[in-house]
Amino acid sequence: MIMKNIVSRRQALQNAAVGFGAMALNSIMQGDRLYAAESAGAREQMYNVLPKPPMFPARAKRVIFIYIGGGPSTIDMYDPKPTLSKFDGKPAPFEIKGRALNGSQQIMASPWKFKQTGESGRYVSDLLPHFQKVVDKVTFVRSMTTDRIDHSTAQFTLVTGRGFTGFPSIGSWVNYALGTENQNLPGYIALGQGATIGDRAHSSAWLPPIYNGTGMRADPQAPIYDIKRPDGVTLDQQKRFLSMVGELNKIQKGSSYVLDQDLESRIANYELAARMQVEALRVADIEQESEATKKLYGIDQKVGGPFGRLCLMARRLAEKDVRFIQIYGGGGGNWDTHNNIEGQLPGLCEYIDQGMSGLLTDLEQRDMLKDTLVVWSGEFGRLPTIEAKNSKPGRDHNPYGFSMWMAGAGLKAGFDYGQTDDLGYAAVQDKCTHADIHATVQHLLGIDYQKNTFPYEGRNESLVGVSQARVLKELFA
């Protein structure tokens, strides 16, 4: 009773700042803000990230999602359109709809050459010399569309299925459905930076905060902020603190207190953080890799090195059975190439090219590509017209037709699905939406996207929600 009067279990967790708990703050605070919307029935349940069986046989055990925020120009990278050269500098042969910021109808051919590569004979731009070597491993969806034309709303659609804030990301839904095999690391990890919407791109929103994405860096000294004990705190002090919290936990669980879902999530995150002090530091130490592997990812390259490190770390996390790994590909610059696309796009592509290509090669060499799904996508593409007449033109946003790709997990390698028109403006065959991709990713993991639900505001919500969606089984081998 004296202990209760001096310090409560909640106060102990809130006030004791010994380093190892700070990594969980983002997900904890997210839950504090949004849990009020959850139904009473959901709050009465306990949640964890223990591994759960898939709903049906799965093709993939894990996902590595390469998220290119900013609108990459896929008609300059993956989807060549020779007709653009015919109309280069001329008005478009039909109306091109944009955001009407400048309203240009002048076609701009791609400034880069495309090379026919691989056994599939697909054309890849000279912007991506490393990807040209691995293009046979990927499955292209060349008919992507979205109903959002601005960055933030389109990015929310890409990662949460809604064109506005406040909904859980795809990684959180996967973490909720399947948990994770490795209880010493989070089930959902986000690497790098580059989203206009910030940390909300890997937020659990109103799902229990234990399913929030945890940000990590390819830094063996501090892969997660405050993961190491402060210099003034000894291992013995930390153990005694954890023991005290454990005793408080036993007292409350033995009482008649109503289940506090927020507090339970805090406890779970603090316990995970303590276990992570060893595991996270070890997995972030990419210097343990062979010189050949480090060279494959180009981690010493001036431009592509930082992203190569993130991709290598993603493979190491995949080996440790982390369920969902999200890599942000925007750290090399601004993919929103409204101006000077000819000056900006080469560096942007160099930033991601070797790392993502090395990842596919490395996964295959380690026999992991067969059960790892790799996804690459931006929120939308770029128009075939210039945005404005100036000395260094760029391209405006294009939600009407763009490309994305996936690899591994029993997909048809070297296969193209759908297509855009001759100018690369709009999808004209087998149109796809982000909801279709969300359904397909879950299906490959053995999740029925219609049954992976959570009670929210009086109804069972899902990643897809009320959007029309279908599993793209045409992509399956």
Protein backbone atom coordinates (compact mmCIF):
# COMPACT_ATOMS: atom_id res chain seq x y z
CA MET A 1 0.00 0.00 0.00
CA ILE A 2 2.88 2.35 0.78
CA MET A 3 4.37 1.71 -2.64
CA LYS A 4 1.06 2.57 -4.29
CA ASN A 5 0.95 5.87 -2.48
CA ILE A 6 4.50 6.74 -3.46
CA VAL A 7 4.51 5.76 -7.10
CA SER A 8 1.98 4.12 -9.37
CA ARG A 9 2.72 1.67 -12.14
CA ARG A 10 1.79 4.31 -14.72
CA GLN A 11 3.94 6.94 -13.04
CA ALA A 12 6.91 4.60 -12.92
CA LEU A 13 6.73 4.02 -16.66
CA GLN A 14 6.11 7.65 -17.50
CA ASN A 15 8.78 9.13 -15.25
CA ALA A 16 11.64 6.65 -15.51
CA ALA A 17 13.77 7.71 -18.47
CA VAL A 18 16.53 5.13 -18.71
CA GLY A 19 17.07 5.15 -22.44
CA PHE A 20 15.69 1.79 -23.45
CA GLY A 21 12.06 2.94 -23.33
CA ALA A 22 12.34 6.00 -25.53
CA MET A 23 12.26 4.02 -28.77
CA ALA A 24 8.63 3.11 -28.11
CA LEU A 25 7.47 6.69 -27.53
CA ASN A 26 6.18 7.31 -31.06
CA SER A 27 3.86 4.33 -31.12
CA ILE A 28 2.80 4.89 -27.52
CA MET A 29 1.84 8.51 -28.09
CA GLN A 30 0.05 7.60 -31.31
CA GLY A 31 -2.07 5.20 -29.32
CA ASP A 32 -2.73 7.76 -26.58
CA ARG A 33 -4.12 10.23 -29.12
CA LEU A 34 -6.34 7.94 -31.13
CA TYR A 35 -7.43 5.06 -28.89
CA ALA A 36 -10.56 6.92 -27.80
CA ALA A 37 -12.20 6.01 -31.11
CA GLU A 38 -11.84 2.28 -30.51
CA SER A 39 -14.87 0.32 -29.42
CA ALA A 40 -15.27 -0.90 -25.85
CA GLY A 41 -15.14 -4.54 -26.99
CA ALA A 42 -11.76 -4.06 -28.59
CA ARG A 43 -10.38 -2.31 -25.52
CA GLU A 44 -11.26 -5.30 -23.36
CA GLN A 45 -8.94 -7.56 -25.33
CA MET A 46 -5.21 -8.14 -24.93
CA TYR A 47 -3.04 -7.71 -28.03
CA ASN A 48 0.43 -8.97 -28.81
CA VAL A 49 2.78 -9.63 -31.73
CA LEU A 50 3.16 -13.35 -31.11
CA PRO A 51 3.26 -15.25 -34.41
CA LYS A 52 -0.16 -16.18 -35.73
CA PRO A 53 -0.91 -18.71 -38.49
CA PRO A 54 -1.99 -17.34 -41.86
CA MET A 55 -5.62 -17.73 -42.84
CA PHE A 56 -4.60 -19.97 -45.76
CA PRO A 57 -1.28 -21.21 -47.22
CA ALA A 58 0.95 -18.22 -47.81
CA ARG A 59 3.41 -17.56 -50.63
CA ALA A 60 5.34 -14.95 -48.64
CA LYS A 61 6.59 -14.91 -45.05
CA ARG A 62 7.61 -11.26 -45.03
CA VAL A 63 7.45 -8.03 -47.04
CA ILE A 64 10.08 -5.45 -47.94
CA PHE A 65 8.21 -2.36 -49.16
CA ILE A 66 10.33 0.22 -51.01
CA TYR A 67 8.31 3.42 -50.77
CA ILE A 68 9.34 6.20 -53.20
CA GLY A 69 7.52 9.28 -51.90
CA GLY A 70 7.27 12.22 -54.30
CA GLY A 71 6.00 10.74 -57.53
CA PRO A 72 8.80 9.01 -59.50
CA SER A 73 8.64 9.47 -63.27
CA THR A 74 8.20 5.87 -64.32
CA ILE A 75 7.84 6.84 -68.01
CA ASP A 76 11.49 7.92 -67.77
CA MET A 77 12.56 4.84 -65.83
CA TYR A 78 10.60 1.68 -66.67
CA ASP A 79 7.87 2.41 -69.20
CA PRO A 80 9.32 3.66 -72.51
CA LYS A 81 6.97 5.37 -74.94
CA PRO A 82 8.52 5.88 -78.41
CA THR A 83 5.50 7.94 -79.46
CA LEU A 84 6.71 10.70 -77.15
CA SER A 85 9.60 11.33 -79.54
CA LYS A 86 7.17 11.80 -82.41
CA PHE A 87 5.34 14.59 -80.57
CA ASP A 88 8.33 16.00 -78.67
CA GLY A 89 7.92 19.78 -78.35
CA LYS A 90 4.48 19.65 -79.97
CA PRO A 91 0.98 19.83 -78.50
CA ALA A 92 -0.41 16.54 -77.23
CA PRO A 93 -2.68 14.77 -79.76
CA PHE A 94 -5.39 14.63 -77.07
CA GLU A 95 -6.09 16.56 -73.89
CA ILE A 96 -3.73 15.89 -70.99
CA LYS A 97 -5.38 16.65 -67.66
CA GLY A 98 -3.21 17.93 -64.86
CA ARG A 99 -3.71 20.07 -61.81
CA ALA A 100 -4.03 23.13 -64.10
CA LEU A 101 -1.17 24.91 -62.33
CA ASN A 102 0.30 25.84 -65.66
CA GLY A 103 -1.82 23.82 -68.04
CA SER A 104 0.89 22.95 -70.57
CA GLN A 105 -0.02 20.52 -73.37
CA GLN A 106 3.52 20.34 -74.81
CA ILE A 107 4.85 16.80 -74.99
CA MET A 108 8.35 16.08 -73.68
CA ALA A 109 10.10 12.92 -74.81
CA SER A 110 12.26 11.17 -72.27
CA PRO A 111 15.77 12.67 -72.28
CA TRP A 112 17.22 9.21 -71.61
CA LYS A 113 17.75 6.17 -73.78
CA PHE A 114 16.16 2.82 -73.02
CA LYS A 115 17.98 -0.47 -73.40
CA GLN A 116 16.40 -3.87 -74.02
CA THR A 117 17.63 -6.05 -71.17
CA GLY A 118 17.43 -9.53 -69.74
CA GLU A 119 15.81 -12.65 -71.15
CA SER A 120 12.44 -10.91 -70.88
CA GLY A 121 13.67 -8.27 -73.33
CA ARG A 122 12.07 -5.45 -71.38
CA TYR A 123 13.34 -1.94 -71.83
CA VAL A 124 14.88 -0.12 -68.87
CA SER A 125 16.23 3.42 -68.91
CA ASP A 126 19.95 4.20 -68.80
CA LEU A 127 19.12 5.90 -65.51
CA LEU A 128 19.08 2.44 -63.91
CA PRO A 129 22.11 0.44 -65.11
CA HIS A 130 22.05 -1.89 -62.08
CA PHE A 131 18.33 -2.53 -62.35
CA GLN A 132 18.82 -3.47 -66.00
CA LYS A 133 20.68 -6.55 -64.72
CA VAL A 134 17.90 -7.74 -62.42
CA VAL A 135 14.79 -6.77 -64.37
CA ASP A 136 14.02 -10.43 -65.09
CA LYS A 137 13.34 -10.96 -61.39
CA VAL A 138 10.47 -8.47 -61.19
CA THR A 139 6.80 -8.34 -62.09
CA PHE A 140 5.63 -4.98 -63.43
CA VAL A 141 2.16 -3.57 -62.92
CA ARG A 142 2.09 -0.92 -65.67
CA SER A 143 -1.49 0.26 -65.23
CA MET A 144 -1.58 1.79 -61.76
CA THR A 145 -4.05 4.59 -61.04
CA THR A 146 -5.05 6.61 -58.00
CA ASP A 147 -7.91 9.00 -57.29
CA ARG A 148 -5.61 11.47 -55.54
CA ILE A 149 -3.42 14.02 -57.32
CA ASP A 150 -1.63 15.75 -54.42
CA HIS A 151 1.26 14.25 -52.48
CA SER A 152 -0.09 13.93 -48.96
CA THR A 153 -3.47 12.53 -49.92
CA ALA A 154 -1.96 10.17 -52.50
CA GLN A 155 0.67 8.97 -50.03
CA PHE A 156 -1.98 8.24 -47.44
CA THR A 157 -3.82 6.24 -50.12
CA LEU A 158 -0.66 4.32 -50.99
CA VAL A 159 0.16 3.25 -47.43
CA THR A 160 -3.20 3.33 -45.59
CA GLY A 161 -5.84 2.87 -48.29
CA ARG A 162 -7.44 6.25 -47.49
CA GLY A 163 -6.73 9.65 -48.96
CA PHE A 164 -6.54 11.33 -45.55
CA THR A 165 -4.87 10.94 -42.20
CA GLY A 166 -5.93 8.83 -39.24
CA PHE A 167 -5.88 5.26 -40.62
CA PRO A 168 -3.40 2.42 -40.02
CA SER A 169 -0.62 1.71 -42.50
CA ILE A 170 -0.36 -1.54 -44.42
CA GLY A 171 2.55 -2.73 -42.25
CA SER A 172 0.46 -2.29 -39.11
CA TRP A 173 -2.37 -4.33 -40.62
CA VAL A 174 0.06 -7.12 -41.49
CA ASN A 175 1.63 -6.98 -38.02
CA TYR A 176 -1.85 -7.15 -36.48
CA ALA A 177 -2.87 -10.14 -38.61
CA LEU A 178 0.27 -12.26 -38.36
CA GLY A 179 2.52 -11.02 -35.57
CA THR A 180 6.21 -11.77 -35.92
CA GLU A 181 8.48 -14.76 -35.45
CA ASN A 182 11.23 -12.75 -33.74
CA GLN A 183 10.10 -11.46 -30.35
CA ASN A 184 13.35 -9.53 -29.88
CA LEU A 185 12.62 -7.09 -32.71
CA PRO A 186 9.49 -5.18 -33.74
CA GLY A 187 7.26 -6.89 -36.28
CA TYR A 188 7.13 -3.71 -38.36
CA ILE A 189 10.24 -1.60 -39.01
CA ALA A 190 10.63 1.56 -41.10
CA LEU A 191 14.06 2.46 -42.48
CA GLY A 192 15.09 5.92 -43.63
CA GLN A 193 13.06 9.02 -44.40
CA GLY A 194 11.33 10.56 -47.37
CA ALA A 195 7.56 10.75 -46.99
CA THR A 196 5.68 14.03 -47.09
CA ILE A 197 3.36 12.61 -44.45
CA GLY A 198 6.26 11.75 -42.13
CA ASP A 199 5.90 9.05 -39.49
CA ARG A 200 2.21 8.68 -40.31
CA ALA A 201 3.39 6.55 -43.24
CA HIS A 202 4.13 3.77 -40.75
CA SER A 203 1.58 4.58 -38.04
CA SER A 204 -0.83 2.11 -36.47
CA ALA A 205 -3.35 4.96 -35.94
CA TRP A 206 -6.28 3.44 -34.04
CA LEU A 207 -5.02 -0.13 -34.20
CA PRO A 208 -3.45 -1.08 -30.85
CA PRO A 209 -0.18 0.88 -30.61
CA ILE A 210 1.83 -2.31 -30.28
CA TYR A 211 1.42 -2.66 -34.08
CA ASN A 212 2.98 0.72 -34.85
CA GLY A 213 6.01 0.81 -37.16
CA THR A 214 9.34 1.40 -35.41
CA GLY A 215 11.82 3.71 -37.08
CA MET A 216 15.38 2.40 -37.44
CA ARG A 217 18.60 3.59 -39.05
CA ALA A 218 21.57 1.76 -40.56
CA ASP A 219 23.73 2.95 -37.68
CA PRO A 220 25.32 0.23 -35.51
CA GLN A 221 25.96 2.71 -32.70
CA ALA A 222 22.38 3.99 -32.46
CA PRO A 223 20.00 2.19 -34.85
CA ILE A 224 17.08 3.43 -32.73
CA TYR A 225 17.09 6.65 -30.76
CA ASP A 226 18.11 6.03 -27.12
CA ILE A 227 18.36 2.28 -27.61
CA LYS A 228 21.57 2.21 -25.59
CA ARG A 229 21.60 2.80 -21.86
CA PRO A 230 22.75 6.27 -20.87
CA ASP A 231 26.28 6.39 -19.54
CA GLY A 232 25.01 7.14 -16.05
CA VAL A 233 22.80 4.03 -15.86
CA THR A 234 24.34 0.65 -15.09
CA LEU A 235 23.04 -2.72 -16.22
CA ASP A 236 22.22 -3.53 -12.60
CA GLN A 237 20.17 -0.34 -12.24
CA GLN A 238 18.26 -1.15 -15.39
CA LYS A 239 17.54 -4.68 -14.20
CA ARG A 240 16.28 -3.40 -10.85
CA PHE A 241 14.00 -0.93 -12.60
CA LEU A 242 12.55 -3.68 -14.78
CA SER A 243 12.07 -5.85 -11.71
CA MET A 244 10.20 -3.02 -9.97
CA VAL A 245 7.93 -2.54 -12.98
CA GLY A 246 7.32 -6.29 -13.07
CA GLU A 247 6.22 -6.29 -9.46
CA LEU A 248 3.86 -3.37 -10.07
CA ASN A 249 2.54 -5.27 -13.07
CA LYS A 250 1.74 -8.30 -10.90
CA ILE A 251 -0.02 -6.14 -8.33
CA GLN A 252 -2.28 -4.51 -10.91
CA LYS A 253 -3.06 -7.74 -12.77
CA GLY A 254 -4.05 -9.33 -9.48
CA SER A 255 -6.43 -6.52 -8.69
CA SER A 256 -9.86 -5.67 -10.01
CA TYR A 257 -8.62 -2.80 -12.21
CA VAL A 258 -10.25 -2.45 -15.62
CA LEU A 259 -7.86 -3.47 -18.39
CA ASP A 260 -5.89 -0.41 -19.51
CA GLN A 261 -5.05 -1.08 -23.14
CA ASP A 262 -2.75 1.94 -23.41
CA LEU A 263 -0.78 0.87 -20.37
CA GLU A 264 -0.54 -2.73 -21.56
CA SER A 265 0.93 -1.46 -24.82
CA ARG A 266 3.42 0.64 -22.87
CA ILE A 267 4.50 -2.41 -20.87
CA ALA A 268 4.91 -4.53 -24.00
CA ASN A 269 6.93 -1.83 -25.76
CA TYR A 270 9.22 -1.29 -22.78
CA GLU A 271 9.83 -5.02 -22.47
CA LEU A 272 10.52 -5.25 -26.21
CA ALA A 273 12.87 -2.28 -26.01
CA ALA A 274 14.89 -3.99 -23.29
CA ARG A 275 15.27 -7.14 -25.40
CA MET A 276 16.16 -5.04 -28.42
CA GLN A 277 19.23 -3.56 -26.75
CA VAL A 278 21.19 -6.59 -27.89
CA GLU A 279 19.33 -7.69 -31.03
CA ALA A 280 18.91 -4.27 -32.69
CA LEU A 281 22.55 -3.33 -32.24
CA ARG A 282 23.61 -6.64 -33.71
CA VAL A 283 21.35 -6.51 -36.77
CA ALA A 284 22.38 -2.92 -37.55
CA ASP A 285 26.08 -3.83 -37.65
CA ILE A 286 26.36 -4.31 -41.42
CA GLU A 287 30.15 -4.29 -41.17
CA GLN A 288 29.81 -7.98 -40.29
CA GLU A 289 28.92 -8.61 -43.93
CA SER A 290 31.47 -9.81 -46.45
CA GLU A 291 33.22 -7.33 -48.71
CA ALA A 292 31.49 -8.90 -51.70
CA THR A 293 28.07 -8.30 -50.15
CA LYS A 294 28.88 -4.71 -49.24
CA LYS A 295 30.10 -4.13 -52.77
CA LEU A 296 26.92 -5.66 -54.17
CA TYR A 297 24.84 -3.02 -52.35
CA GLY A 298 27.33 -0.24 -53.11
CA ILE A 299 27.40 0.94 -49.50
CA ASP A 300 30.61 2.90 -50.07
CA GLN A 301 29.27 4.83 -53.05
CA LYS A 302 28.91 8.57 -52.53
CA VAL A 303 25.38 8.87 -53.92
CA GLY A 304 23.88 5.40 -53.55
CA GLY A 305 25.70 4.32 -50.40
CA PRO A 306 23.13 5.51 -47.83
CA PHE A 307 20.24 3.77 -49.57
CA GLY A 308 22.38 0.69 -50.17
CA ARG A 309 22.93 0.49 -46.41
CA LEU A 310 19.19 0.64 -45.80
CA CYS A 311 18.59 -2.15 -48.31
CA LEU A 312 21.31 -4.30 -46.78
CA MET A 313 19.85 -3.72 -43.34
CA ALA A 314 16.43 -4.69 -44.72
CA ARG A 315 17.84 -8.02 -45.83
CA ARG A 316 19.39 -8.55 -42.37
CA LEU A 317 16.05 -7.77 -40.74
CA ALA A 318 14.30 -10.15 -43.13
CA GLU A 319 16.75 -12.87 -42.08
CA LYS A 320 15.72 -12.17 -38.50
CA ASP A 321 12.08 -12.81 -39.43
CA VAL A 322 10.83 -9.24 -39.12
CA ARG A 323 7.42 -9.41 -40.79
CA PHE A 324 7.16 -6.03 -42.57
CA ILE A 325 10.10 -3.79 -43.49
CA GLN A 326 9.44 -0.42 -45.07
CA ILE A 327 12.30 1.41 -46.83
CA TYR A 328 11.87 5.07 -47.67
CA GLY A 329 13.53 5.93 -50.96
CA GLY A 330 13.27 9.70 -50.72
CA GLY A 331 16.43 10.41 -48.75
CA GLY A 332 18.47 11.12 -51.86
CA GLY A 333 16.51 14.22 -52.89
CA ASN A 334 13.16 15.40 -54.14
CA TRP A 335 11.34 13.04 -56.52
CA ASP A 336 8.75 15.78 -57.10
CA THR A 337 10.42 16.88 -60.35
CA HIS A 338 8.19 19.79 -61.43
CA ASN A 339 11.28 21.57 -62.76
CA ASN A 340 14.62 20.49 -64.20
CA ILE A 341 13.78 16.82 -64.39
CA GLU A 342 16.80 16.29 -66.63
CA GLY A 343 19.06 17.64 -63.90
CA GLN A 344 17.36 15.98 -60.94
CA LEU A 345 16.27 12.49 -61.99
CA PRO A 346 19.75 11.00 -62.66
CA GLY A 347 20.87 11.60 -59.08
CA LEU A 348 17.60 10.33 -57.66
CA CYS A 349 17.85 7.12 -59.65
CA GLU A 350 21.51 6.68 -58.75
CA TYR A 351 20.51 6.96 -55.11
CA ILE A 352 18.21 3.89 -55.27
CA ASP A 353 19.51 1.87 -58.23
CA GLN A 354 22.32 -0.24 -56.81
CA GLY A 355 20.76 -0.76 -53.40
CA MET A 356 17.41 -2.08 -54.60
CA SER A 357 19.04 -4.16 -57.33
CA GLY A 358 21.57 -5.61 -54.90
CA LEU A 359 18.72 -6.49 -52.55
CA LEU A 360 16.98 -8.60 -55.21
CA THR A 361 20.22 -10.37 -56.12
CA ASP A 362 21.16 -10.99 -52.49
CA LEU A 363 17.76 -12.36 -51.56
CA GLU A 364 17.85 -14.75 -54.49
CA GLN A 365 21.39 -15.90 -53.70
CA ARG A 366 20.32 -16.67 -50.13
CA ASP A 367 17.21 -18.52 -51.33
CA MET A 368 15.03 -15.92 -49.61
CA LEU A 369 13.37 -14.32 -52.61
CA LYS A 370 11.00 -17.26 -52.94
CA ASP A 371 9.25 -16.35 -49.67
CA THR A 372 10.02 -12.62 -49.45
CA LEU A 373 7.77 -10.17 -51.26
CA VAL A 374 9.56 -7.02 -52.44
CA VAL A 375 7.30 -4.12 -53.44
CA TRP A 376 8.42 -0.87 -55.15
CA SER A 377 6.00 2.02 -55.66
CA GLY A 378 5.43 5.75 -55.50
CA GLU A 379 2.11 7.43 -54.85
CA PHE A 380 1.72 8.37 -58.54
CA GLY A 381 3.79 9.03 -61.68
CA ARG A 382 4.53 12.06 -63.89
CA LEU A 383 2.76 13.43 -66.96
CA PRO A 384 4.19 13.10 -70.51
CA THR A 385 3.93 16.89 -70.89
CA ILE A 386 6.14 19.63 -69.52
CA GLU A 387 4.64 21.51 -66.62
CA ALA A 388 5.72 24.92 -67.89
CA LYS A 389 7.73 26.37 -70.74
CA ASN A 390 11.12 27.28 -69.35
CA SER A 391 14.77 26.45 -69.92
CA LYS A 392 14.68 23.48 -67.51
CA PRO A 393 11.19 21.94 -67.64
CA GLY A 394 9.82 19.19 -65.46
CA ARG A 395 6.70 17.03 -65.28
CA ASP A 396 3.55 17.46 -63.18
CA HIS A 397 1.78 14.75 -61.14
CA ASN A 398 0.11 11.90 -63.01
CA PRO A 399 -2.45 9.77 -61.14
CA TYR A 400 -3.98 8.36 -64.34
CA GLY A 401 -1.35 5.81 -65.32
CA PHE A 402 2.02 4.80 -63.88
CA SER A 403 4.12 1.75 -63.07
CA MET A 404 5.11 -0.14 -59.93
CA TRP A 405 6.80 -3.52 -59.47
CA MET A 406 6.93 -6.51 -57.17
CA ALA A 407 9.30 -9.45 -56.92
CA GLY A 408 9.57 -12.81 -55.19
CA ALA A 409 6.89 -14.75 -53.29
CA GLY A 410 5.90 -16.93 -56.22
CA LEU A 411 5.09 -14.13 -58.65
CA LYS A 412 5.67 -14.46 -62.40
CA ALA A 413 9.18 -13.14 -62.81
CA GLY A 414 9.68 -11.17 -66.01
CA PHE A 415 5.94 -10.61 -66.40
CA ASP A 416 4.15 -7.35 -67.31
CA TYR A 417 0.55 -6.69 -66.30
CA GLY A 418 -1.54 -3.89 -67.80
CA GLN A 419 -0.40 -0.97 -69.89
CA THR A 420 -0.80 2.74 -70.44
CA ASP A 421 -1.58 4.52 -73.72
CA ASP A 422 1.06 5.38 -76.32
CA LEU A 423 2.04 8.54 -74.46
CA GLY A 424 2.21 6.92 -71.01
CA TYR A 425 -0.58 9.19 -69.79
CA ALA A 426 -3.44 6.91 -68.71
CA ALA A 427 -3.96 3.23 -68.00
CA VAL A 428 -5.88 1.62 -70.87
CA GLN A 429 -5.68 -2.08 -70.02
CA ASP A 430 -6.22 -3.89 -66.72
CA LYS A 431 -6.43 -0.74 -64.61
CA CYS A 432 -5.25 -1.23 -61.03
CA THR A 433 -5.55 0.75 -57.82
CA HIS A 434 -3.65 0.80 -54.57
CA ALA A 435 -6.56 -1.15 -53.06
CA ASP A 436 -5.81 -3.98 -55.52
CA ILE A 437 -2.16 -3.95 -54.43
CA HIS A 438 -3.16 -3.96 -50.75
CA ALA A 439 -5.44 -6.93 -51.33
CA THR A 440 -2.75 -8.75 -53.29
CA VAL A 441 0.02 -8.16 -50.75
CA GLN A 442 -2.18 -9.48 -47.94
CA HIS A 443 -3.22 -12.48 -50.02
CA LEU A 444 0.42 -13.40 -50.71
CA LEU A 445 0.98 -13.40 -46.94
CA GLY A 446 -1.97 -15.74 -46.42
CA ILE A 447 -4.33 -12.99 -45.22
CA ASP A 448 -7.90 -12.63 -46.47
CA TYR A 449 -8.09 -8.86 -46.95
CA GLN A 450 -11.86 -8.92 -46.33
CA LYS A 451 -11.48 -10.73 -43.00
CA ASN A 452 -8.48 -8.82 -41.64
CA THR A 453 -10.64 -6.33 -39.73
CA PHE A 454 -10.73 -4.34 -36.51
CA PRO A 455 -13.72 -2.68 -34.76
CA TYR A 456 -13.58 1.09 -35.19
CA GLU A 457 -16.38 3.64 -34.81
CA GLY A 458 -19.09 1.00 -34.76
CA ARG A 459 -17.99 -1.05 -37.76
CA ASN A 460 -15.34 -3.56 -38.73
CA GLU A 461 -12.71 -1.61 -40.62
CA SER A 462 -9.99 -3.00 -42.90
CA LEU A 463 -7.05 -1.77 -44.94
CA VAL A 464 -9.16 -1.73 -48.09
CA GLY A 465 -12.32 -0.39 -46.42
CA VAL A 466 -15.20 0.21 -48.81
CA SER A 467 -12.95 0.50 -51.87
CA GLN A 468 -13.46 -1.96 -54.69
CA ALA A 469 -10.48 -4.31 -54.64
CA ARG A 470 -9.38 -7.61 -56.02
CA VAL A 471 -6.41 -9.92 -55.67
CA LEU A 472 -4.28 -9.76 -58.83
CA LYS A 473 -3.97 -13.51 -59.27
CA GLU A 474 -2.80 -12.95 -62.85
CA LEU A 475 0.59 -12.11 -61.31
CA PHE A 476 0.95 -15.49 -59.60
CA ALA A 477 3.14 -18.20 -61.12
